[in-house]
């Protein structure tokens, strides 16, 4: 398999999965559909297994690593501003497409049978749910939002403590390297996981299910495609004076994996490696990418909830005014952390619906096709998580333009400089000794 580029491996898995899915559906082969479901489910389960330790250690290390970055506070602020600005653009496009297409007009669904999803969100739940009552419980339950909060607090405290916290920081660096190595093994299984996930989706969701929601599904894909292939390239050209084709050449492995895995956090090591290969300094990338993987959700938290809110309002016969659309934009920009980088966007959707006073049962109408929508949403999320640090680095004058122009000429699984003797593909985001470069050390040369 090493003779084939990683992107080609995933593409082959995608094609074979679609073929097997159609075979299973056309011939009513329940055993094949069950096998595809098991293969895809195990892949996602392996990704989720690494999420709690990966998020905590990555954010702690990234916050502490800001000590060695010049103008760290300004970089962090600019990153947040770009996150907010791009989210506002994305939600505006979602609202615009919703107004143009009227995705809920003429839809005949049994709204009486719809029930609110088991997982719902409200501003009270969101705000009170940030702070865990038990730090161990946050890891046991896999509550990524609470883990992010703990990691930010611990990382900031370690940063202020200084040298006395170095043993703790070194432990987190070591744990991060171990988790990334194990996760990298899982990522190498992505072609097989792709086969199972796509095959199961094709075998499970037929046209009979999609037909009533075809307009809404198309609107979501079109909205995400506009952000992904129009807005982001224009921002790269206008704000960073960068060739968008080179960006997609470097970031495509992460976007591709996000599409099939439906997990921004699970894709994070690939996203970080792609961003570094685009020439973004490793110290800054190690902060921006983990932070973006848990808060930067243009697909799940901007385009989708905007379209879904319009869809639900039209299905239930509720008229939305200008104030409601402004409220949708506000919720999308401020509440995006509620999605927390995991598969699905139900919490963000119910947060939007509850804020607008729309029936939460409306979310239940979309649950059946959520996996299909989540693929393009997550791909858009990850592309945004790569675009922002690239633009910020370019505007700050720290982007390695030579590395950017040569991005995509090496396969994602090729060893990085300094990996000789370590065996296998390098762990993304680590220095020559398996940790991020510290202040005073020469910065690694981007691949």
Protein backbone atom coordinates (compact mmCIF):
# COMPACT_ATOMS: atom_id res chain seq x y z
CA UNK A 1 0.00 0.00 0.00
CA UNK A 2 2.95 2.36 0.52
CA UNK A 3 3.35 2.42 -3.26
CA UNK A 4 0.04 4.31 -3.44
CA UNK A 5 -0.30 7.89 -2.10
CA UNK A 6 -2.44 8.18 1.02
CA UNK A 7 -5.06 10.27 -0.80
CA UNK A 8 -5.33 7.62 -3.50
CA UNK A 9 -5.77 4.93 -0.85
CA UNK A 10 -8.73 6.83 0.64
CA UNK A 11 -10.19 7.40 -2.84
CA UNK A 12 -9.95 3.67 -3.59
CA UNK A 13 -11.66 2.91 -0.28
CA UNK A 14 -14.38 5.42 -1.15
CA UNK A 15 -15.05 3.90 -4.59
CA UNK A 16 -15.03 0.33 -3.28
CA UNK A 17 -17.28 1.29 -0.38
CA UNK A 18 -19.86 2.86 -2.71
CA UNK A 19 -19.80 -0.24 -4.91
CA UNK A 20 -20.22 -2.64 -1.98
CA UNK A 21 -22.97 -0.44 -0.52
CA UNK A 22 -24.95 -0.58 -3.76
CA UNK A 23 -24.43 -4.35 -3.95
CA UNK A 24 -25.67 -4.78 -0.36
CA UNK A 25 -28.72 -2.59 -0.97
CA UNK A 26 -29.67 -3.97 -4.38
CA UNK A 27 -29.42 -7.60 -3.29
CA UNK A 28 -30.66 -7.15 0.29
CA UNK A 29 -27.43 -8.58 1.70
CA UNK A 30 -27.86 -7.81 5.39
CA UNK A 31 -24.60 -9.55 6.31
CA UNK A 32 -22.62 -7.28 3.98
CA UNK A 33 -24.37 -4.16 5.26
CA UNK A 34 -23.71 -5.28 8.85
CA UNK A 35 -20.03 -5.92 8.06
CA UNK A 36 -19.64 -2.48 6.49
CA UNK A 37 -21.35 -0.92 9.52
CA UNK A 38 -19.01 -2.78 11.90
CA UNK A 39 -15.86 -1.81 9.98
CA UNK A 40 -16.84 1.86 9.78
CA UNK A 41 -18.04 1.94 13.39
CA UNK A 42 -14.78 0.47 14.69
CA UNK A 43 -12.78 3.08 12.80
CA UNK A 44 -14.80 5.96 14.29
CA UNK A 45 -14.64 4.31 17.72
CA UNK A 46 -10.85 4.14 17.51
CA UNK A 47 -10.75 7.83 16.61
CA UNK A 48 -13.02 8.72 19.53
CA UNK A 49 -10.87 6.64 21.90
CA UNK A 50 -7.96 9.02 21.36
CA UNK A 51 -10.00 12.23 21.62
CA UNK A 52 -9.88 12.97 25.41
CA UNK A 53 -6.11 12.52 25.92
CA UNK A 54 -5.33 14.09 22.54
CA UNK A 55 -7.37 17.24 23.16
CA UNK A 56 -6.10 17.77 26.71
CA UNK A 57 -2.39 17.22 26.03
CA UNK A 58 -2.44 19.05 22.69
CA UNK A 59 -4.04 22.18 24.15
CA UNK A 60 -1.87 22.19 27.30
CA UNK A 61 1.29 21.87 25.20
CA UNK A 62 0.09 24.40 22.63
CA UNK A 63 -0.73 27.03 25.28
CA UNK A 64 2.63 26.56 26.98
CA UNK A 65 4.44 26.65 23.62
CA UNK A 66 3.13 30.20 23.11
CA UNK A 67 5.87 31.23 25.53
CA UNK A 68 8.36 30.74 22.71
CA UNK A 69 6.30 32.57 20.09
CA UNK A 70 6.88 36.25 19.49
CA UNK A 71 3.75 38.35 19.99
CA UNK A 72 1.84 35.29 21.16
CA UNK A 73 -1.08 37.29 22.56
CA UNK A 74 -1.51 39.17 19.28
CA UNK A 75 -1.37 35.91 17.31
CA UNK A 76 -4.00 34.32 19.55
CA UNK A 77 -6.27 37.36 19.24
CA UNK A 78 -5.90 37.50 15.46
CA UNK A 79 -6.67 33.79 15.24
CA UNK A 80 -9.87 34.25 17.25
CA UNK A 81 -10.89 37.26 15.15
CA UNK A 82 -10.39 35.30 11.93
CA UNK A 83 -12.34 32.38 13.39
CA UNK A 84 -15.22 34.74 14.13
CA UNK A 85 -15.03 36.58 10.80
CA UNK A 86 -15.05 33.43 8.68
CA UNK A 87 -17.87 31.97 10.79
CA UNK A 88 -19.92 35.13 10.17
CA UNK A 89 -19.33 34.83 6.42
CA UNK A 90 -20.30 31.15 6.50
CA UNK A 91 -23.54 31.68 8.44
CA UNK A 92 -24.47 34.57 6.14
CA UNK A 93 -24.09 32.26 3.15
CA UNK A 94 -26.18 29.63 4.92
CA UNK A 95 -28.96 32.13 5.59
CA UNK A 96 -28.77 33.45 2.03
CA UNK A 97 -29.08 29.99 0.49
CA UNK A 98 -31.94 29.20 2.85
CA UNK A 99 -33.84 32.30 1.76
CA UNK A 100 -33.21 31.54 -1.92
CA UNK A 101 -34.10 27.85 -1.86
CA UNK A 102 -36.82 27.67 0.84
CA UNK A 103 -35.70 24.13 1.80
CA UNK A 104 -38.76 23.44 3.96
CA UNK A 105 -41.48 24.63 1.55
CA UNK A 106 -43.61 21.80 0.24
CA UNK A 107 -41.92 19.17 2.41
CA UNK A 108 -44.43 16.55 3.54
CA UNK A 109 -43.13 14.85 6.67
CA UNK A 110 -44.94 13.44 9.68
CA UNK A 111 -44.08 16.20 12.13
CA UNK A 112 -46.31 14.60 14.75
CA UNK A 113 -44.06 11.57 14.89
CA UNK A 114 -40.91 13.67 15.28
CA UNK A 115 -39.43 13.76 18.75
CA UNK A 116 -36.69 15.96 20.21
CA UNK A 117 -33.26 14.30 20.09
CA UNK A 118 -31.93 12.85 23.31
CA UNK A 119 -29.02 15.31 23.24
CA UNK A 120 -30.19 18.91 23.25
CA UNK A 121 -28.54 22.23 23.90
CA UNK A 122 -29.51 25.54 25.46
CA UNK A 123 -27.54 28.60 26.52
CA UNK A 124 -27.91 27.57 30.17
CA UNK A 125 -26.72 24.05 29.45
CA UNK A 126 -23.90 25.38 27.32
CA UNK A 127 -22.61 27.85 29.90
CA UNK A 128 -23.01 25.59 32.93
CA UNK A 129 -21.70 22.61 31.00
CA UNK A 130 -18.33 24.23 30.33
CA UNK A 131 -17.14 23.77 33.92
CA UNK A 132 -17.03 20.11 35.01
CA UNK A 133 -18.13 19.11 38.49
CA UNK A 134 -15.57 16.32 38.37
CA UNK A 135 -12.45 16.58 36.18
CA UNK A 136 -12.21 12.80 35.93
CA UNK A 137 -15.84 12.64 34.86
CA UNK A 138 -15.14 14.92 31.91
CA UNK A 139 -12.67 12.36 30.55
CA UNK A 140 -14.86 9.36 31.38
CA UNK A 141 -17.89 10.90 29.66
CA UNK A 142 -15.80 12.24 26.77
CA UNK A 143 -17.16 15.77 27.23
CA UNK A 144 -14.78 17.58 24.88
CA UNK A 145 -16.00 21.05 25.81
CA UNK A 146 -15.16 20.46 29.48
CA UNK A 147 -11.81 18.91 28.53
CA UNK A 148 -10.99 21.99 26.47
CA UNK A 149 -11.83 24.22 29.45
CA UNK A 150 -9.64 22.17 31.79
CA UNK A 151 -6.78 22.14 29.30
CA UNK A 152 -6.91 25.90 28.75
CA UNK A 153 -6.90 26.58 32.51
CA UNK A 154 -4.11 24.09 33.22
CA UNK A 155 -2.05 25.28 30.23
CA UNK A 156 -2.38 28.94 31.25
CA UNK A 157 -1.42 28.10 34.84
CA UNK A 158 1.62 26.12 33.67
CA UNK A 159 2.61 29.00 31.42
CA UNK A 160 2.52 31.46 34.34
CA UNK A 161 4.25 29.10 36.78
CA UNK A 162 7.24 28.84 34.46
CA UNK A 163 10.18 26.53 35.14
CA UNK A 164 8.54 24.87 38.14
CA UNK A 165 5.89 23.43 35.80
CA UNK A 166 8.40 22.06 33.31
CA UNK A 167 8.20 18.41 34.57
CA UNK A 168 4.42 18.51 34.13
CA UNK A 169 4.75 20.07 30.69
CA UNK A 170 7.35 17.48 29.71
CA UNK A 171 4.96 14.72 30.79
CA UNK A 172 2.21 16.19 28.63
CA UNK A 173 4.60 16.46 25.67
CA UNK A 174 5.49 12.81 26.11
CA UNK A 175 1.85 11.74 26.40
CA UNK A 176 0.97 13.82 23.35
CA UNK A 177 3.67 12.09 21.31
CA UNK A 178 2.43 8.66 22.44
CA UNK A 179 -1.21 9.46 21.67
CA UNK A 180 -0.29 10.91 18.29
CA UNK A 181 1.74 7.83 17.39
CA UNK A 182 -1.18 5.54 18.31
CA UNK A 183 -3.65 7.79 16.49
CA UNK A 184 -1.40 7.83 13.45
CA UNK A 185 -1.76 4.04 13.27
CA UNK A 186 -5.53 4.53 13.27
CA UNK A 187 -5.28 7.17 10.54
CA UNK A 188 -3.33 4.72 8.39
CA UNK A 189 -6.48 2.54 8.55
CA UNK A 190 -8.52 5.38 7.04
CA UNK A 191 -8.89 3.69 3.63
CA UNK A 192 -10.50 0.66 5.31
CA UNK A 193 -12.59 2.91 7.54
CA UNK A 194 -13.68 4.87 4.48
CA UNK A 195 -14.83 1.67 2.80
CA UNK A 196 -16.97 0.77 5.81
CA UNK A 197 -18.41 4.23 6.49
CA UNK A 198 -19.33 5.07 2.90
CA UNK A 199 -20.51 1.53 2.15
CA UNK A 200 -22.81 1.53 5.18
CA UNK A 201 -24.19 4.97 4.27
CA UNK A 202 -25.02 3.82 0.73
CA UNK A 203 -26.54 0.56 1.97
CA UNK A 204 -28.62 2.29 4.67
CA UNK A 205 -29.92 5.47 3.02
CA UNK A 206 -31.92 5.08 -0.14
CA UNK A 207 -33.68 7.62 -2.33
CA UNK A 208 -36.98 6.94 -0.55
CA UNK A 209 -35.47 8.50 2.57
CA UNK A 210 -33.61 11.29 0.82
CA UNK A 211 -36.37 12.34 -1.57
CA UNK A 212 -38.38 14.49 0.91
CA UNK A 213 -35.17 16.14 2.13
CA UNK A 214 -33.37 16.36 -1.22
CA UNK A 215 -33.66 20.14 -1.44
CA UNK A 216 -32.34 20.60 2.10
CA UNK A 217 -29.48 18.13 1.52
CA UNK A 218 -28.53 19.89 -1.72
CA UNK A 219 -28.64 23.29 0.01
CA UNK A 220 -26.25 22.10 2.74
CA UNK A 221 -23.79 20.68 0.21
CA UNK A 222 -23.98 23.78 -2.00
CA UNK A 223 -23.49 26.11 0.97
CA UNK A 224 -20.48 24.18 2.23
CA UNK A 225 -19.04 23.98 -1.29
CA UNK A 226 -19.32 27.76 -1.70
CA UNK A 227 -17.44 28.35 1.55
CA UNK A 228 -14.91 25.62 0.80
CA UNK A 229 -14.15 26.40 -2.84
CA UNK A 230 -15.08 30.09 -3.20
CA UNK A 231 -14.83 31.93 0.13
CA UNK A 232 -11.64 30.29 1.39
CA UNK A 233 -9.75 30.72 -1.92
CA UNK A 234 -10.82 34.37 -2.11
CA UNK A 235 -9.60 34.95 1.46
CA UNK A 236 -6.29 33.26 0.66
CA UNK A 237 -5.86 35.51 -2.37
CA UNK A 238 -7.06 38.77 -0.83
CA UNK A 239 -5.78 38.49 2.73
CA UNK A 240 -2.71 36.30 2.33
CA UNK A 241 -1.80 36.76 -1.33
CA UNK A 242 -1.53 32.99 -1.58
CA UNK A 243 -2.26 30.59 -4.42
CA UNK A 244 -5.40 28.64 -3.41
CA UNK A 245 -4.39 25.65 -5.53
CA UNK A 246 -1.24 25.19 -3.46
CA UNK A 247 -3.33 25.37 -0.29
CA UNK A 248 -5.67 22.62 -1.44
CA UNK A 249 -2.72 20.52 -2.59
CA UNK A 250 -1.29 20.67 0.92
CA UNK A 251 -4.52 20.50 2.93
CA UNK A 252 -6.46 18.00 0.82
CA UNK A 253 -5.44 14.87 2.83
CA UNK A 254 -6.96 16.44 5.97
CA UNK A 255 -10.10 17.59 4.13
CA UNK A 256 -10.49 14.15 2.58
CA UNK A 257 -10.08 12.31 5.88
CA UNK A 258 -12.52 14.71 7.57
CA UNK A 259 -15.13 13.96 4.91
CA UNK A 260 -15.09 10.23 5.59
CA UNK A 261 -14.36 10.20 9.35
CA UNK A 262 -16.77 13.03 10.27
CA UNK A 263 -14.49 14.03 13.15
CA UNK A 264 -12.54 17.29 13.31
CA UNK A 265 -10.65 16.17 16.41
CA UNK A 266 -9.86 12.77 14.94
CA UNK A 267 -8.46 14.49 11.86
CA UNK A 268 -6.42 16.96 13.94
CA UNK A 269 -2.99 15.28 13.56
CA UNK A 270 -3.38 15.22 9.79
CA UNK A 271 -4.60 18.83 9.79
CA UNK A 272 -1.62 19.95 11.84
CA UNK A 273 0.86 18.14 9.62
CA UNK A 274 -0.79 19.64 6.53
CA UNK A 275 -0.67 23.14 8.00
CA UNK A 276 3.00 22.78 8.89
CA UNK A 277 3.77 21.54 5.39
CA UNK A 278 2.05 24.66 4.09
CA UNK A 279 4.78 26.64 5.84
CA UNK A 280 3.02 27.69 9.05
CA UNK A 281 5.54 27.79 11.94
CA UNK A 282 5.25 24.66 14.07
CA UNK A 283 4.95 26.56 17.37
CA UNK A 284 1.99 28.56 16.09
CA UNK A 285 0.37 25.60 14.31
CA UNK A 286 0.51 23.56 17.51
CA UNK A 287 -1.72 26.20 19.12
CA UNK A 288 -4.03 27.20 16.27
CA UNK A 289 -4.91 23.74 14.94
CA UNK A 290 -5.91 22.05 18.25
CA UNK A 291 -7.81 25.18 19.27
CA UNK A 292 -9.55 25.33 15.90
CA UNK A 293 -10.41 21.62 15.97
CA UNK A 294 -12.58 22.24 19.02
CA UNK A 295 -14.01 25.69 18.24
CA UNK A 296 -13.77 26.42 14.48
CA UNK A 297 -16.87 24.84 12.86
CA UNK A 298 -18.00 26.72 9.76
CA UNK A 299 -19.87 23.67 8.49
CA UNK A 300 -21.45 22.28 11.66
CA UNK A 301 -21.95 25.53 13.56
CA UNK A 302 -22.64 28.10 10.83
CA UNK A 303 -23.97 26.84 7.50
CA UNK A 304 -25.88 23.82 8.78
CA UNK A 305 -27.77 25.33 11.76
CA UNK A 306 -28.72 28.37 9.67
CA UNK A 307 -30.23 26.20 6.92
CA UNK A 308 -31.73 23.76 9.43
CA UNK A 309 -33.42 26.56 11.40
CA UNK A 310 -34.99 27.92 8.21
CA UNK A 311 -36.05 24.39 7.22
CA UNK A 312 -37.66 23.65 10.60
CA UNK A 313 -39.42 27.04 10.68
CA UNK A 314 -40.91 26.46 7.23
CA UNK A 315 -41.98 22.88 8.01
CA UNK A 316 -43.76 24.02 11.18
CA UNK A 317 -45.18 27.16 9.55
CA UNK A 318 -43.20 29.68 11.62
CA UNK A 319 -42.25 32.98 9.98
CA UNK A 320 -38.75 34.26 10.74
CA UNK A 321 -37.94 37.96 10.79
CA UNK A 322 -34.76 39.98 10.40
CA UNK A 323 -34.15 39.79 14.14
CA UNK A 324 -34.31 35.99 13.99
CA UNK A 325 -31.71 35.85 11.23
CA UNK A 326 -29.42 38.14 13.21
CA UNK A 327 -29.91 35.84 16.20
CA UNK A 328 -28.92 32.83 14.07
CA UNK A 329 -25.72 34.64 13.09
CA UNK A 330 -24.97 35.52 16.72
CA UNK A 331 -25.51 31.95 17.94
CA UNK A 332 -23.31 30.56 15.16
CA UNK A 333 -20.38 32.87 15.87
CA UNK A 334 -20.51 32.70 19.67
CA UNK A 335 -21.76 29.16 20.28
CA UNK A 336 -19.61 27.18 17.85
CA UNK A 337 -17.59 25.63 20.67
CA UNK A 338 -20.70 23.65 21.60
CA UNK A 339 -19.99 21.29 18.69
CA UNK A 340 -16.65 20.39 20.29
CA UNK A 341 -15.18 18.70 17.23
CA UNK A 342 -17.10 15.43 17.51
CA UNK A 343 -19.25 13.79 14.87
CA UNK A 344 -22.62 15.41 14.46
CA UNK A 345 -23.95 18.90 15.17
CA UNK A 346 -27.14 18.12 17.09
CA UNK A 347 -26.15 20.16 20.16
CA UNK A 348 -25.48 23.23 18.03
CA UNK A 349 -28.72 22.74 16.08
CA UNK A 350 -30.85 22.40 19.21
CA UNK A 351 -29.08 25.40 20.73
CA UNK A 352 -30.08 27.45 17.67
CA UNK A 353 -33.65 26.13 17.64
CA UNK A 354 -34.17 26.74 21.35
CA UNK A 355 -32.78 30.28 21.06
CA UNK A 356 -35.26 31.03 18.24
CA UNK A 357 -38.12 29.34 20.07
CA UNK A 358 -38.58 26.73 17.32
CA UNK A 359 -39.78 23.17 18.12
CA UNK A 360 -36.86 20.96 19.13
CA UNK A 361 -38.74 18.07 17.53
CA UNK A 362 -37.71 19.63 14.23
CA UNK A 363 -34.18 18.37 14.81
CA UNK A 364 -35.57 14.84 14.90
CA UNK A 365 -36.72 15.23 11.29
CA UNK A 366 -33.09 15.60 10.17
CA UNK A 367 -31.49 12.86 12.26
CA UNK A 368 -32.02 10.18 9.62
CA UNK A 369 -29.78 11.90 7.05
CA UNK A 370 -27.38 13.52 9.53
CA UNK A 371 -24.44 11.21 8.66
CA UNK A 372 -24.72 12.18 4.99
CA UNK A 373 -24.77 15.89 5.84
CA UNK A 374 -22.02 15.55 8.42
CA UNK A 375 -19.44 14.49 5.84
CA UNK A 376 -19.42 17.78 3.93
CA UNK A 377 -19.89 19.78 7.15
CA UNK A 378 -16.78 18.26 8.74
CA UNK A 379 -14.73 18.71 5.57
CA UNK A 380 -15.64 22.41 5.62
CA UNK A 381 -14.76 22.62 9.32
CA UNK A 382 -11.28 21.19 8.79
CA UNK A 383 -10.59 23.34 5.73
CA UNK A 384 -11.39 26.41 7.83
CA UNK A 385 -9.14 25.15 10.62
CA UNK A 386 -6.29 25.04 8.10
CA UNK A 387 -7.11 28.28 6.25
CA UNK A 388 -7.07 30.59 9.27
CA UNK A 389 -3.57 29.79 10.63
CA UNK A 390 -2.23 29.90 7.06
CA UNK A 391 -3.66 33.39 6.50
CA UNK A 392 -2.56 34.66 9.91
CA UNK A 393 0.99 33.37 9.38
CA UNK A 394 1.10 34.96 5.92
CA UNK A 395 -0.08 38.33 7.24
CA UNK A 396 2.42 38.16 10.10
CA UNK A 397 5.26 37.43 7.67
CA UNK A 398 6.13 34.12 9.33
CA UNK A 399 4.81 31.81 6.60
CA UNK A 400 7.50 29.86 4.73
CA UNK A 401 6.50 30.76 1.18
CA UNK A 402 8.84 28.20 -0.37
CA UNK A 403 7.24 25.45 1.69
CA UNK A 404 3.78 26.73 0.75
CA UNK A 405 4.58 26.72 -2.95
CA UNK A 406 5.89 23.15 -2.75
CA UNK A 407 3.02 21.84 -0.59
CA UNK A 408 1.42 18.65 -1.82
CA UNK A 409 4.48 17.38 -3.66
CA UNK A 410 5.14 14.79 -0.96
CA UNK A 411 2.76 12.18 0.34
CA UNK A 412 1.29 12.76 3.78
CA UNK A 413 2.87 9.58 5.14
CA UNK A 414 6.41 10.47 4.04
CA UNK A 415 8.79 10.95 6.99
CA UNK A 416 9.45 14.49 8.13
CA UNK A 417 12.95 15.94 8.52
CA UNK A 418 14.51 14.61 11.71
CA UNK A 419 12.54 11.37 11.69
CA UNK A 420 15.39 9.17 10.53
CA UNK A 421 15.75 6.09 12.64
CA UNK A 422 12.36 6.42 14.28
CA UNK A 423 10.64 4.06 11.87
CA UNK A 424 7.34 4.58 10.13
CA UNK A 425 5.67 7.88 9.38
CA UNK A 426 6.43 10.76 11.65
CA UNK A 427 4.07 11.88 14.37
CA UNK A 428 2.60 15.20 13.31
CA UNK A 429 3.37 18.18 15.46
CA UNK A 430 6.51 16.84 17.12
CA UNK A 431 10.08 17.98 16.90
CA UNK A 432 13.18 15.87 16.30
CA UNK A 433 13.03 14.47 19.83
CA UNK A 434 9.29 13.84 19.73
CA UNK A 435 8.19 17.16 21.19
CA UNK A 436 7.46 20.67 19.92
CA UNK A 437 10.48 22.91 19.54
CA UNK A 438 11.09 25.04 22.63
CA UNK A 439 11.98 28.67 22.87
CA UNK A 440 15.56 29.26 21.81
CA UNK A 441 15.78 26.17 19.63
CA UNK A 442 16.04 26.53 15.85
CA UNK A 443 12.67 26.08 14.21
CA UNK A 444 12.32 22.86 12.19
CA UNK A 445 12.45 23.27 8.45
CA UNK A 446 8.94 22.65 7.06
CA UNK A 447 8.67 19.76 4.65
